[in-house]
């Protein structure tokens, strides 16, 4: 099983573009909390593409990743841009900054890589780390994705890939009703199931044609 340290060392998953939904997320937070020191936590920051964006955009930015190499890549990018953040190598078993509550938390294509039991624990940790009216933005793989069912099934909608770059990595494929149960009492600002059918090879590690399916959720704490 490759570790995320090994994957980042190989130069995998190093992307420079900021998702359009992350732009929207930043705008919503700035509009919601005017004239405040806006604190944001990028959970599973990877090589830093969204961490760098938030720092550039004037947020007081905090970022964690389980991979030390991911954090090193993020630090290198931040230094190049001459911006600073708070970085830590950490899993999401608890907030490294227990005394801080955040205006926004982002976790992009990260929390799907665990069992549903672990997801349930971690999402509660994130929700508890947000101030009233704060927001969380998640991207999570849908059970309509092309690779649903690949690998060894370990529970409903959860599989361990048995080949490819993510061999040995858990993938939980979410359903709409399942996700909404985690945000009862929260205001859903964005809830989209995005399904893309891609015919042209745009990434060497993937096979095409490809059906890519993710949920994008932006929820606000009441």
N, C-alpha and C. Protein backbone atom coordinates (compact mmCIF):
# COMPACT_ATOMS: atom_id res chain seq x y z
N UNK A 1 0.84 -1.20 0.00
CA UNK A 1 0.00 0.00 0.00
C UNK A 1 0.87 1.25 0.00
N UNK A 2 0.73 2.13 -0.97
CA UNK A 2 1.51 3.36 -0.98
C UNK A 2 1.01 4.32 0.09
N UNK A 3 1.92 4.99 0.77
CA UNK A 3 1.51 6.03 1.70
C UNK A 3 1.35 7.33 0.92
N UNK A 4 0.63 8.28 1.52
CA UNK A 4 0.49 9.57 0.84
C UNK A 4 1.84 10.26 0.74
N UNK A 5 2.76 10.00 1.68
CA UNK A 5 4.11 10.54 1.56
C UNK A 5 4.77 10.06 0.27
N UNK A 6 4.63 8.76 -0.03
CA UNK A 6 5.22 8.19 -1.24
C UNK A 6 4.56 8.76 -2.49
N UNK A 7 3.25 8.91 -2.44
CA UNK A 7 2.52 9.43 -3.60
C UNK A 7 2.97 10.85 -3.91
N UNK A 8 3.09 11.70 -2.88
CA UNK A 8 3.53 13.08 -3.11
C UNK A 8 5.00 13.13 -3.54
N UNK A 9 5.82 12.21 -3.01
CA UNK A 9 7.23 12.16 -3.39
C UNK A 9 7.39 11.83 -4.87
N UNK A 10 6.46 11.02 -5.40
CA UNK A 10 6.48 10.66 -6.81
C UNK A 10 5.96 11.78 -7.71
N UNK A 11 5.47 12.85 -7.09
CA UNK A 11 4.93 13.96 -7.87
C UNK A 11 3.49 13.77 -8.27
N UNK A 12 2.77 12.84 -7.61
CA UNK A 12 1.37 12.60 -7.93
C UNK A 12 0.49 13.60 -7.17
N UNK A 13 -0.65 13.90 -7.76
CA UNK A 13 -1.66 14.77 -7.14
C UNK A 13 -1.12 16.16 -6.84
N UNK A 14 -0.17 16.63 -7.60
CA UNK A 14 0.32 17.99 -7.44
C UNK A 14 -0.32 18.83 -8.54
N UNK A 15 -1.34 19.58 -8.16
CA UNK A 15 -2.11 20.35 -9.13
C UNK A 15 -2.12 21.81 -8.71
N UNK A 16 -2.13 22.69 -9.71
CA UNK A 16 -2.02 24.10 -9.41
C UNK A 16 -3.32 24.87 -9.41
N UNK A 17 -4.39 24.31 -9.98
CA UNK A 17 -5.62 25.06 -10.14
C UNK A 17 -6.50 25.03 -8.90
N UNK A 18 -7.18 26.14 -8.66
CA UNK A 18 -8.14 26.24 -7.56
C UNK A 18 -9.53 25.92 -8.09
N UNK A 19 -10.26 25.07 -7.40
CA UNK A 19 -11.61 24.72 -7.82
C UNK A 19 -12.52 25.95 -7.81
N UNK A 20 -13.43 26.02 -8.77
CA UNK A 20 -14.38 27.13 -8.83
C UNK A 20 -15.23 27.20 -7.56
N UNK A 21 -15.50 26.05 -6.95
CA UNK A 21 -16.32 26.03 -5.73
C UNK A 21 -15.55 26.60 -4.55
N UNK A 22 -14.24 26.47 -4.57
CA UNK A 22 -13.42 27.05 -3.51
C UNK A 22 -13.41 28.57 -3.63
N UNK A 23 -13.39 29.09 -4.86
CA UNK A 23 -13.54 30.53 -5.06
C UNK A 23 -14.86 31.00 -4.45
N UNK A 24 -15.95 30.29 -4.77
CA UNK A 24 -17.27 30.66 -4.25
C UNK A 24 -17.29 30.61 -2.73
N UNK A 25 -16.66 29.58 -2.18
CA UNK A 25 -16.60 29.39 -0.73
C UNK A 25 -15.91 30.59 -0.06
N UNK A 26 -14.78 31.00 -0.61
CA UNK A 26 -14.05 32.14 -0.06
C UNK A 26 -14.90 33.41 -0.12
N UNK A 27 -15.60 33.59 -1.23
CA UNK A 27 -16.45 34.78 -1.39
C UNK A 27 -17.58 34.78 -0.36
N UNK A 28 -18.22 33.62 -0.17
CA UNK A 28 -19.33 33.51 0.79
C UNK A 28 -18.85 33.85 2.20
N UNK A 29 -17.69 33.34 2.58
CA UNK A 29 -17.17 33.61 3.93
C UNK A 29 -16.87 35.09 4.11
N UNK A 30 -16.24 35.70 3.11
CA UNK A 30 -15.91 37.12 3.22
C UNK A 30 -17.17 37.97 3.26
N UNK A 31 -18.20 37.55 2.56
CA UNK A 31 -19.46 38.28 2.56
C UNK A 31 -20.20 38.10 3.88
N UNK A 32 -20.08 36.92 4.46
CA UNK A 32 -20.79 36.60 5.71
C UNK A 32 -20.14 37.27 6.92
N UNK A 33 -18.81 37.34 6.92
CA UNK A 33 -18.08 37.87 8.08
C UNK A 33 -17.23 39.06 7.64
N UNK A 34 -17.84 40.19 7.50
CA UNK A 34 -17.13 41.38 7.05
C UNK A 34 -16.27 41.94 8.19
N UNK A 35 -15.10 42.43 7.81
CA UNK A 35 -14.22 43.13 8.75
C UNK A 35 -13.81 42.27 9.94
N UNK A 36 -13.58 41.00 9.70
CA UNK A 36 -13.09 40.11 10.76
C UNK A 36 -11.78 39.47 10.31
N UNK A 37 -11.02 39.01 11.31
CA UNK A 37 -9.81 38.22 11.03
C UNK A 37 -10.28 36.81 10.68
N UNK A 38 -10.38 36.52 9.41
CA UNK A 38 -11.03 35.30 8.94
C UNK A 38 -10.08 34.11 9.00
N UNK A 39 -10.44 33.14 9.81
CA UNK A 39 -9.61 31.95 9.99
C UNK A 39 -10.21 30.80 9.20
N UNK A 40 -9.36 30.12 8.42
CA UNK A 40 -9.81 29.00 7.61
C UNK A 40 -8.85 27.84 7.77
N UNK A 41 -9.40 26.63 7.77
CA UNK A 41 -8.61 25.41 7.96
C UNK A 41 -8.78 24.54 6.73
N UNK A 42 -7.65 24.27 6.06
CA UNK A 42 -7.61 23.37 4.90
C UNK A 42 -7.20 21.99 5.40
N UNK A 43 -8.17 21.08 5.46
CA UNK A 43 -7.96 19.75 6.03
C UNK A 43 -7.56 18.78 4.91
N UNK A 44 -6.35 18.23 5.01
CA UNK A 44 -5.85 17.39 3.92
C UNK A 44 -5.41 18.25 2.76
N UNK A 45 -4.49 19.16 3.04
CA UNK A 45 -4.12 20.19 2.06
C UNK A 45 -3.32 19.66 0.89
N UNK A 46 -2.78 18.44 1.00
CA UNK A 46 -2.00 17.89 -0.11
C UNK A 46 -0.77 18.73 -0.39
N UNK A 47 -0.59 19.08 -1.66
CA UNK A 47 0.58 19.88 -2.05
C UNK A 47 0.32 21.38 -1.93
N UNK A 48 -0.89 21.76 -1.49
CA UNK A 48 -1.10 23.15 -1.08
C UNK A 48 -1.86 24.07 -2.01
N UNK A 49 -2.49 23.55 -3.06
CA UNK A 49 -3.10 24.47 -4.03
C UNK A 49 -4.17 25.37 -3.40
N UNK A 50 -5.00 24.82 -2.52
CA UNK A 50 -6.04 25.66 -1.92
C UNK A 50 -5.51 26.44 -0.72
N UNK A 51 -4.54 25.89 -0.02
CA UNK A 51 -3.90 26.63 1.08
C UNK A 51 -3.27 27.91 0.56
N UNK A 52 -2.55 27.82 -0.54
CA UNK A 52 -1.91 28.99 -1.14
C UNK A 52 -2.96 29.99 -1.59
N UNK A 53 -4.05 29.52 -2.18
CA UNK A 53 -5.12 30.42 -2.62
C UNK A 53 -5.68 31.21 -1.44
N UNK A 54 -6.01 30.53 -0.35
CA UNK A 54 -6.58 31.22 0.81
C UNK A 54 -5.60 32.24 1.38
N UNK A 55 -4.32 31.87 1.46
CA UNK A 55 -3.32 32.79 2.00
C UNK A 55 -3.19 34.03 1.11
N UNK A 56 -3.18 33.82 -0.20
CA UNK A 56 -3.12 34.94 -1.14
C UNK A 56 -4.34 35.86 -0.98
N UNK A 57 -5.49 35.25 -0.70
CA UNK A 57 -6.76 35.96 -0.65
C UNK A 57 -6.97 36.67 0.68
N UNK A 58 -6.01 36.59 1.58
CA UNK A 58 -6.05 37.36 2.81
C UNK A 58 -6.60 36.65 4.03
N UNK A 59 -6.84 35.35 3.93
CA UNK A 59 -7.32 34.60 5.08
C UNK A 59 -6.16 34.28 6.03
N UNK A 60 -6.48 34.21 7.32
CA UNK A 60 -5.55 33.66 8.31
C UNK A 60 -5.67 32.14 8.17
N UNK A 61 -4.73 31.54 7.46
CA UNK A 61 -4.89 30.18 6.95
C UNK A 61 -4.15 29.15 7.78
N UNK A 62 -4.86 28.07 8.09
CA UNK A 62 -4.31 26.92 8.79
C UNK A 62 -4.46 25.71 7.87
N UNK A 63 -3.47 24.83 7.87
CA UNK A 63 -3.54 23.67 6.97
C UNK A 63 -2.88 22.46 7.61
N UNK A 64 -3.49 21.30 7.38
CA UNK A 64 -2.94 20.04 7.87
C UNK A 64 -2.96 19.00 6.77
N UNK A 65 -2.03 18.07 6.87
CA UNK A 65 -2.05 16.90 6.00
C UNK A 65 -1.34 15.76 6.73
N UNK A 66 -1.78 14.55 6.45
CA UNK A 66 -1.15 13.38 7.07
C UNK A 66 0.24 13.13 6.51
N UNK A 67 0.53 13.71 5.32
CA UNK A 67 1.80 13.50 4.64
C UNK A 67 2.79 14.61 4.94
N UNK A 68 3.95 14.24 5.47
CA UNK A 68 5.00 15.22 5.70
C UNK A 68 5.49 15.81 4.39
N UNK A 69 5.56 14.99 3.34
CA UNK A 69 5.98 15.50 2.03
C UNK A 69 4.97 16.50 1.48
N UNK A 70 3.68 16.24 1.72
CA UNK A 70 2.67 17.19 1.29
C UNK A 70 2.85 18.54 1.97
N UNK A 71 3.11 18.53 3.27
CA UNK A 71 3.33 19.77 4.00
C UNK A 71 4.59 20.48 3.51
N UNK A 72 5.64 19.71 3.22
CA UNK A 72 6.87 20.32 2.69
C UNK A 72 6.62 21.00 1.35
N UNK A 73 5.86 20.35 0.48
CA UNK A 73 5.53 20.94 -0.82
C UNK A 73 4.69 22.21 -0.64
N UNK A 74 3.76 22.17 0.30
CA UNK A 74 2.94 23.35 0.58
C UNK A 74 3.80 24.50 1.07
N UNK A 75 4.72 24.20 2.00
CA UNK A 75 5.62 25.24 2.55
C UNK A 75 6.48 25.84 1.44
N UNK A 76 6.98 25.00 0.55
CA UNK A 76 7.81 25.48 -0.55
C UNK A 76 7.03 26.43 -1.45
N UNK A 77 5.80 26.09 -1.73
CA UNK A 77 4.94 26.92 -2.58
C UNK A 77 4.62 28.25 -1.89
N UNK A 78 4.30 28.18 -0.59
CA UNK A 78 4.00 29.40 0.17
C UNK A 78 5.20 30.34 0.19
N UNK A 79 6.39 29.78 0.39
CA UNK A 79 7.61 30.59 0.40
C UNK A 79 7.82 31.27 -0.95
N UNK A 80 7.54 30.55 -2.01
CA UNK A 80 7.68 31.11 -3.36
C UNK A 80 6.73 32.28 -3.56
N UNK A 81 5.54 32.17 -2.99
CA UNK A 81 4.53 33.22 -3.13
C UNK A 81 4.69 34.32 -2.08
N UNK A 82 5.63 34.11 -1.15
CA UNK A 82 5.89 35.07 -0.07
C UNK A 82 4.65 35.31 0.80
N UNK A 83 3.95 34.22 1.10
CA UNK A 83 2.82 34.27 2.03
C UNK A 83 3.04 33.20 3.10
N UNK A 84 2.39 33.37 4.23
CA UNK A 84 2.62 32.44 5.34
C UNK A 84 1.29 31.89 5.85
N UNK A 85 1.37 30.70 6.43
CA UNK A 85 0.21 30.05 7.05
C UNK A 85 0.69 29.28 8.27
N UNK A 86 -0.25 28.62 8.92
CA UNK A 86 0.05 27.72 10.03
C UNK A 86 -0.06 26.29 9.50
N UNK A 87 1.05 25.56 9.48
CA UNK A 87 1.07 24.21 8.89
C UNK A 87 1.40 23.17 9.95
N UNK A 88 0.71 22.02 9.86
CA UNK A 88 1.02 20.90 10.75
C UNK A 88 0.81 19.58 10.02
N UNK A 89 1.69 18.62 10.30
CA UNK A 89 1.46 17.24 9.86
C UNK A 89 0.50 16.63 10.87
N UNK A 90 -0.70 16.26 10.40
CA UNK A 90 -1.71 15.75 11.33
C UNK A 90 -2.80 15.01 10.59
N UNK A 91 -3.34 14.01 11.25
CA UNK A 91 -4.57 13.35 10.82
C UNK A 91 -5.73 14.17 11.38
N UNK A 92 -6.95 13.76 11.07
CA UNK A 92 -8.10 14.53 11.53
C UNK A 92 -8.72 13.86 12.76
N UNK A 93 -7.89 13.22 13.58
CA UNK A 93 -8.42 12.59 14.79
C UNK A 93 -8.78 13.65 15.83
N UNK A 94 -8.16 14.83 15.72
CA UNK A 94 -8.52 15.97 16.55
C UNK A 94 -7.95 17.21 15.89
N UNK A 95 -8.46 18.37 16.28
CA UNK A 95 -7.91 19.61 15.75
C UNK A 95 -6.57 19.90 16.42
N UNK A 96 -5.52 20.19 15.64
CA UNK A 96 -4.24 20.56 16.24
C UNK A 96 -4.31 21.91 16.96
N UNK A 97 -5.39 22.66 16.68
CA UNK A 97 -5.56 23.99 17.27
C UNK A 97 -6.87 24.00 18.06
N UNK A 98 -6.84 23.37 19.22
CA UNK A 98 -8.08 23.15 19.99
C UNK A 98 -8.72 24.45 20.45
N UNK A 99 -7.92 25.49 20.65
CA UNK A 99 -8.45 26.75 21.18
C UNK A 99 -8.97 27.67 20.08
N UNK A 100 -8.87 27.23 18.84
CA UNK A 100 -9.27 28.08 17.72
C UNK A 100 -10.55 27.55 17.08
N UNK A 101 -11.49 28.46 16.84
CA UNK A 101 -12.68 28.15 16.07
C UNK A 101 -12.57 28.87 14.72
N UNK A 102 -12.98 28.19 13.67
CA UNK A 102 -12.75 28.68 12.32
C UNK A 102 -14.02 29.24 11.68
N UNK A 103 -13.82 30.26 10.84
CA UNK A 103 -14.92 30.78 10.03
C UNK A 103 -15.26 29.81 8.90
N UNK A 104 -14.26 29.09 8.43
CA UNK A 104 -14.48 28.13 7.35
C UNK A 104 -13.52 26.96 7.43
N UNK A 105 -14.00 25.80 7.02
CA UNK A 105 -13.16 24.60 6.92
C UNK A 105 -13.38 23.98 5.55
N UNK A 106 -12.28 23.65 4.89
CA UNK A 106 -12.31 22.99 3.58
C UNK A 106 -11.69 21.61 3.69
N UNK A 107 -12.34 20.62 3.09
CA UNK A 107 -11.71 19.31 2.94
C UNK A 107 -12.08 18.79 1.56
N UNK A 108 -11.10 18.76 0.66
CA UNK A 108 -11.35 18.51 -0.76
C UNK A 108 -10.83 17.12 -1.15
N UNK A 109 -11.77 16.21 -1.40
CA UNK A 109 -11.42 14.84 -1.84
C UNK A 109 -10.51 14.12 -0.84
N UNK A 110 -10.80 14.28 0.44
CA UNK A 110 -9.97 13.69 1.48
C UNK A 110 -10.76 12.70 2.34
N UNK A 111 -11.90 13.11 2.85
CA UNK A 111 -12.62 12.33 3.86
C UNK A 111 -13.30 11.09 3.29
N UNK A 112 -13.20 10.89 1.99
CA UNK A 112 -13.71 9.66 1.37
C UNK A 112 -12.75 8.48 1.57
N UNK A 113 -11.52 8.77 1.99
CA UNK A 113 -10.50 7.73 2.10
C UNK A 113 -10.45 7.15 3.52
N UNK A 114 -11.59 6.70 3.99
CA UNK A 114 -11.69 6.10 5.33
C UNK A 114 -13.02 5.37 5.43
N UNK A 115 -13.14 4.55 6.46
CA UNK A 115 -14.40 3.86 6.69
C UNK A 115 -15.47 4.87 7.08
N UNK A 116 -16.73 4.48 6.95
CA UNK A 116 -17.80 5.40 7.30
C UNK A 116 -17.80 5.71 8.79
N UNK A 117 -17.35 4.76 9.61
CA UNK A 117 -17.24 5.00 11.06
C UNK A 117 -16.23 6.11 11.33
N UNK A 118 -15.07 6.03 10.66
CA UNK A 118 -14.05 7.06 10.85
C UNK A 118 -14.51 8.39 10.27
N UNK A 119 -15.21 8.35 9.14
CA UNK A 119 -15.75 9.59 8.57
C UNK A 119 -16.69 10.26 9.56
N UNK A 120 -17.56 9.48 10.17
CA UNK A 120 -18.53 10.03 11.12
C UNK A 120 -17.83 10.73 12.28
N UNK A 121 -16.75 10.14 12.79
CA UNK A 121 -16.00 10.76 13.88
C UNK A 121 -15.35 12.06 13.43
N UNK A 122 -14.74 12.03 12.26
CA UNK A 122 -13.98 13.18 11.79
C UNK A 122 -14.89 14.34 11.40
N UNK A 123 -16.02 14.05 10.82
CA UNK A 123 -16.91 15.15 10.43
C UNK A 123 -17.43 15.87 11.67
N UNK A 124 -17.63 15.14 12.77
CA UNK A 124 -18.07 15.77 14.01
C UNK A 124 -16.97 16.66 14.59
N UNK A 125 -15.72 16.23 14.46
CA UNK A 125 -14.59 17.05 14.91
C UNK A 125 -14.54 18.36 14.13
N UNK A 126 -14.73 18.28 12.83
CA UNK A 126 -14.70 19.48 12.00
C UNK A 126 -15.86 20.40 12.33
N UNK A 127 -17.05 19.83 12.47
CA UNK A 127 -18.23 20.64 12.78
C UNK A 127 -18.07 21.36 14.12
N UNK A 128 -17.44 20.70 15.08
CA UNK A 128 -17.22 21.31 16.39
C UNK A 128 -16.17 22.41 16.35
N UNK A 129 -15.38 22.47 15.28
CA UNK A 129 -14.30 23.45 15.17
C UNK A 129 -14.72 24.71 14.43
N UNK A 130 -16.00 24.83 14.09
CA UNK A 130 -16.51 25.97 13.33
C UNK A 130 -17.31 26.89 14.25
N UNK A 131 -17.17 28.20 14.07
CA UNK A 131 -17.94 29.17 14.85
C UNK A 131 -19.39 29.17 14.36
N UNK A 132 -20.33 29.71 15.16
CA UNK A 132 -21.71 29.88 14.67
C UNK A 132 -21.73 30.68 13.38
N UNK A 133 -22.52 30.23 12.43
CA UNK A 133 -22.63 30.81 11.09
C UNK A 133 -21.42 30.52 10.21
N UNK A 134 -20.43 29.79 10.75
CA UNK A 134 -19.29 29.39 9.93
C UNK A 134 -19.69 28.33 8.91
N UNK A 135 -18.80 28.08 7.96
CA UNK A 135 -19.12 27.21 6.84
C UNK A 135 -18.09 26.11 6.65
N UNK A 136 -18.55 25.00 6.12
CA UNK A 136 -17.67 23.89 5.75
C UNK A 136 -17.92 23.55 4.29
N UNK A 137 -16.85 23.29 3.55
CA UNK A 137 -16.96 22.90 2.14
C UNK A 137 -16.27 21.55 1.96
N UNK A 138 -17.01 20.59 1.42
CA UNK A 138 -16.49 19.25 1.19
C UNK A 138 -16.66 18.85 -0.26
N UNK A 139 -15.69 18.10 -0.76
CA UNK A 139 -15.85 17.37 -2.02
C UNK A 139 -15.65 15.89 -1.69
N UNK A 140 -16.66 15.08 -2.05
CA UNK A 140 -16.65 13.66 -1.71
C UNK A 140 -17.14 12.84 -2.90
N UNK A 141 -16.52 11.69 -3.11
CA UNK A 141 -16.85 10.88 -4.27
C UNK A 141 -18.26 10.28 -4.14
N UNK A 142 -18.95 10.21 -5.28
CA UNK A 142 -20.32 9.69 -5.33
C UNK A 142 -20.33 8.22 -5.73
N UNK A 143 -21.40 7.52 -5.33
CA UNK A 143 -21.52 6.12 -5.73
C UNK A 143 -21.88 5.95 -7.20
N UNK A 144 -21.98 7.07 -7.92
CA UNK A 144 -22.19 7.01 -9.37
C UNK A 144 -20.86 7.09 -10.14
N UNK A 145 -19.75 7.18 -9.42
CA UNK A 145 -18.44 7.25 -10.08
C UNK A 145 -18.14 5.94 -10.80
N UNK A 146 -17.36 6.04 -11.84
CA UNK A 146 -17.06 4.89 -12.69
C UNK A 146 -16.37 3.76 -11.94
N UNK A 147 -15.52 4.11 -10.98
CA UNK A 147 -14.76 3.06 -10.29
C UNK A 147 -15.48 2.51 -9.05
N UNK A 148 -16.76 2.87 -8.89
CA UNK A 148 -17.53 2.29 -7.78
C UNK A 148 -17.56 0.77 -7.91
N UNK A 149 -17.28 0.08 -6.82
CA UNK A 149 -17.30 -1.38 -6.82
C UNK A 149 -15.97 -2.02 -7.12
N UNK A 150 -14.97 -1.22 -7.50
CA UNK A 150 -13.65 -1.78 -7.78
C UNK A 150 -12.93 -2.13 -6.48
N UNK A 151 -12.25 -3.24 -6.47
CA UNK A 151 -11.46 -3.63 -5.31
C UNK A 151 -12.22 -4.50 -4.34
N UNK A 152 -11.73 -4.55 -3.11
CA UNK A 152 -12.29 -5.42 -2.07
C UNK A 152 -13.33 -4.65 -1.25
N UNK A 153 -14.55 -5.17 -1.21
CA UNK A 153 -15.60 -4.51 -0.44
C UNK A 153 -15.39 -4.78 1.05
N UNK A 154 -15.43 -3.72 1.86
CA UNK A 154 -15.24 -3.88 3.31
C UNK A 154 -16.50 -3.52 4.09
N UNK A 155 -17.40 -2.78 3.48
CA UNK A 155 -18.69 -2.43 4.06
C UNK A 155 -19.52 -1.82 2.95
N UNK A 156 -20.76 -1.45 3.24
CA UNK A 156 -21.61 -0.86 2.22
C UNK A 156 -20.94 0.39 1.63
N UNK A 157 -20.79 0.40 0.31
CA UNK A 157 -20.25 1.54 -0.45
C UNK A 157 -18.78 1.84 -0.14
N UNK A 158 -18.08 0.94 0.53
CA UNK A 158 -16.66 1.15 0.83
C UNK A 158 -15.82 0.02 0.24
N UNK A 159 -14.75 0.39 -0.47
CA UNK A 159 -13.90 -0.59 -1.15
C UNK A 159 -12.44 -0.19 -0.97
N UNK A 160 -11.58 -1.20 -0.85
CA UNK A 160 -10.13 -0.97 -0.87
C UNK A 160 -9.64 -1.31 -2.27
N UNK A 161 -9.05 -0.32 -2.94
CA UNK A 161 -8.54 -0.55 -4.28
C UNK A 161 -7.42 -1.59 -4.25
N UNK A 162 -7.41 -2.48 -5.22
CA UNK A 162 -6.43 -3.57 -5.26
C UNK A 162 -5.40 -3.39 -6.38
N UNK A 163 -5.50 -2.29 -7.11
CA UNK A 163 -4.52 -2.00 -8.15
C UNK A 163 -4.49 -0.50 -8.42
N UNK A 164 -3.50 -0.08 -9.19
CA UNK A 164 -3.39 1.33 -9.53
C UNK A 164 -2.65 2.14 -8.48
N UNK A 165 -2.61 3.46 -8.69
CA UNK A 165 -1.88 4.36 -7.81
C UNK A 165 -2.38 4.31 -6.38
N UNK A 166 -3.68 4.11 -6.20
CA UNK A 166 -4.27 4.11 -4.86
C UNK A 166 -4.54 2.68 -4.37
N UNK A 167 -3.72 1.76 -4.79
CA UNK A 167 -3.81 0.38 -4.31
C UNK A 167 -3.67 0.37 -2.78
N UNK A 168 -4.61 -0.29 -2.12
CA UNK A 168 -4.58 -0.37 -0.67
C UNK A 168 -5.29 0.77 0.04
N UNK A 169 -5.81 1.75 -0.72
CA UNK A 169 -6.46 2.92 -0.13
C UNK A 169 -7.97 2.70 -0.09
N UNK A 170 -8.59 3.01 1.04
CA UNK A 170 -10.05 2.92 1.18
C UNK A 170 -10.72 4.03 0.37
N UNK A 171 -11.81 3.68 -0.30
CA UNK A 171 -12.68 4.65 -0.97
C UNK A 171 -14.11 4.40 -0.50
N UNK A 172 -14.70 5.39 0.13
CA UNK A 172 -16.13 5.30 0.46
C UNK A 172 -16.89 6.17 -0.53
N UNK A 173 -17.89 5.58 -1.18
CA UNK A 173 -18.68 6.25 -2.21
C UNK A 173 -20.02 6.65 -1.60
N UNK A 174 -20.27 7.95 -1.53
CA UNK A 174 -21.40 8.47 -0.77
C UNK A 174 -22.69 8.49 -1.59
N UNK A 175 -23.82 8.43 -0.85
CA UNK A 175 -25.15 8.61 -1.40
C UNK A 175 -25.72 9.93 -0.89
N UNK A 176 -26.64 10.52 -1.65
CA UNK A 176 -27.18 11.84 -1.30
C UNK A 176 -27.84 11.85 0.08
N UNK A 177 -28.75 10.92 0.33
CA UNK A 177 -29.46 10.91 1.61
C UNK A 177 -28.51 10.67 2.78
N UNK A 178 -27.52 9.84 2.55
CA UNK A 178 -26.51 9.56 3.58
C UNK A 178 -25.79 10.83 3.99
N UNK A 179 -25.35 11.62 3.02
CA UNK A 179 -24.61 12.84 3.31
C UNK A 179 -25.47 13.86 4.05
N UNK A 180 -26.72 13.98 3.64
CA UNK A 180 -27.57 15.00 4.24
C UNK A 180 -27.83 14.74 5.72
N UNK A 181 -27.75 13.48 6.14
CA UNK A 181 -27.97 13.19 7.56
C UNK A 181 -26.90 13.81 8.45
N UNK A 182 -25.72 14.05 7.90
CA UNK A 182 -24.64 14.62 8.70
C UNK A 182 -24.80 16.12 8.93
N UNK A 183 -25.72 16.74 8.19
CA UNK A 183 -25.87 18.20 8.28
C UNK A 183 -27.29 18.61 8.63
N UNK A 184 -27.97 17.77 9.40
CA UNK A 184 -29.29 18.14 9.91
C UNK A 184 -29.13 19.34 10.85
N UNK A 185 -29.96 20.35 10.66
CA UNK A 185 -29.85 21.55 11.47
C UNK A 185 -28.89 22.58 10.91
N UNK A 186 -28.18 22.23 9.86
CA UNK A 186 -27.30 23.17 9.17
C UNK A 186 -28.00 23.68 7.91
N UNK A 187 -27.61 24.85 7.45
CA UNK A 187 -28.14 25.40 6.21
C UNK A 187 -27.25 24.97 5.05
N UNK A 188 -27.83 24.29 4.06
CA UNK A 188 -27.06 23.86 2.90
C UNK A 188 -27.00 25.00 1.89
N UNK A 189 -25.84 25.62 1.77
CA UNK A 189 -25.65 26.72 0.81
C UNK A 189 -25.39 26.20 -0.59
N UNK A 190 -24.68 25.07 -0.66
CA UNK A 190 -24.43 24.39 -1.94
C UNK A 190 -24.57 22.90 -1.68
N UNK A 191 -25.32 22.21 -2.53
CA UNK A 191 -25.37 20.74 -2.48
C UNK A 191 -25.55 20.26 -3.92
N UNK A 192 -24.46 19.79 -4.50
CA UNK A 192 -24.44 19.42 -5.92
C UNK A 192 -23.84 18.03 -6.07
N UNK A 193 -24.46 17.21 -6.88
CA UNK A 193 -23.82 15.97 -7.32
C UNK A 193 -23.36 16.21 -8.75
N UNK A 194 -22.06 16.30 -8.92
CA UNK A 194 -21.48 16.66 -10.21
C UNK A 194 -20.99 15.40 -10.91
N UNK A 195 -21.58 15.12 -12.08
CA UNK A 195 -21.20 13.93 -12.85
C UNK A 195 -20.63 14.39 -14.18
N UNK A 196 -19.40 14.00 -14.46
CA UNK A 196 -18.71 14.40 -15.69
C UNK A 196 -18.39 13.17 -16.53
N UNK A 197 -18.72 13.24 -17.79
CA UNK A 197 -18.34 12.20 -18.75
C UNK A 197 -17.22 12.77 -19.61
N UNK A 198 -16.03 12.22 -19.46
CA UNK A 198 -14.85 12.77 -20.12
C UNK A 198 -14.34 11.77 -21.15
N UNK A 199 -14.27 12.19 -22.40
CA UNK A 199 -13.85 11.32 -23.49
C UNK A 199 -12.37 11.43 -23.81
N UNK A 200 -11.81 12.63 -23.61
CA UNK A 200 -10.43 12.89 -24.03
C UNK A 200 -9.49 12.68 -22.85
N UNK A 201 -8.39 11.99 -23.08
CA UNK A 201 -7.41 11.72 -22.02
C UNK A 201 -6.75 13.03 -21.59
N UNK A 202 -7.00 13.42 -20.34
CA UNK A 202 -6.40 14.65 -19.81
C UNK A 202 -5.43 14.37 -18.68
N UNK A 203 -5.30 13.11 -18.30
CA UNK A 203 -4.39 12.76 -17.20
C UNK A 203 -3.86 11.36 -17.47
N UNK A 204 -2.55 11.20 -17.48
CA UNK A 204 -1.92 9.94 -17.89
C UNK A 204 -2.29 8.76 -17.00
N UNK A 205 -2.59 9.00 -15.73
CA UNK A 205 -2.80 7.87 -14.83
C UNK A 205 -4.22 7.30 -14.92
N UNK A 206 -5.13 7.97 -15.67
CA UNK A 206 -6.52 7.53 -15.75
C UNK A 206 -6.83 6.93 -17.11
N UNK A 207 -7.83 6.06 -17.13
CA UNK A 207 -8.29 5.47 -18.38
C UNK A 207 -9.53 6.21 -18.87
N UNK A 208 -9.62 6.41 -20.16
CA UNK A 208 -10.73 7.16 -20.74
C UNK A 208 -11.44 6.30 -21.78
N UNK A 209 -12.73 6.54 -22.03
CA UNK A 209 -13.58 7.56 -21.41
C UNK A 209 -13.78 7.32 -19.92
N UNK A 210 -14.13 8.39 -19.21
CA UNK A 210 -14.18 8.36 -17.75
C UNK A 210 -15.48 9.01 -17.27
N UNK A 211 -16.11 8.39 -16.27
CA UNK A 211 -17.25 9.03 -15.59
C UNK A 211 -16.81 9.38 -14.18
N UNK A 212 -16.70 10.67 -13.95
CA UNK A 212 -16.25 11.19 -12.66
C UNK A 212 -17.47 11.74 -11.93
N UNK A 213 -17.67 11.37 -10.68
CA UNK A 213 -18.86 11.82 -9.94
C UNK A 213 -18.50 12.17 -8.51
N UNK A 214 -18.83 13.41 -8.12
CA UNK A 214 -18.55 13.89 -6.77
C UNK A 214 -19.72 14.71 -6.24
N UNK A 215 -19.85 14.71 -4.92
CA UNK A 215 -20.74 15.65 -4.25
C UNK A 215 -19.92 16.86 -3.81
N UNK A 216 -20.50 18.05 -4.00
CA UNK A 216 -19.93 19.28 -3.49
C UNK A 216 -20.93 19.82 -2.47
N UNK A 217 -20.50 19.94 -1.22
CA UNK A 217 -21.39 20.37 -0.15
C UNK A 217 -20.79 21.58 0.56
N UNK A 218 -21.54 22.66 0.61
CA UNK A 218 -21.19 23.80 1.45
C UNK A 218 -22.32 23.98 2.46
N UNK A 219 -22.02 23.75 3.73
CA UNK A 219 -23.04 23.81 4.78
C UNK A 219 -22.65 24.87 5.81
N UNK A 220 -23.68 25.57 6.31
CA UNK A 220 -23.46 26.66 7.26
C UNK A 220 -24.03 26.28 8.63
N UNK A 221 -23.22 26.49 9.65
CA UNK A 221 -23.63 26.17 11.02
C UNK A 221 -24.59 27.23 11.55
N UNK A 222 -25.69 26.79 12.12
CA UNK A 222 -26.68 27.74 12.65
C UNK A 222 -26.42 28.01 14.13
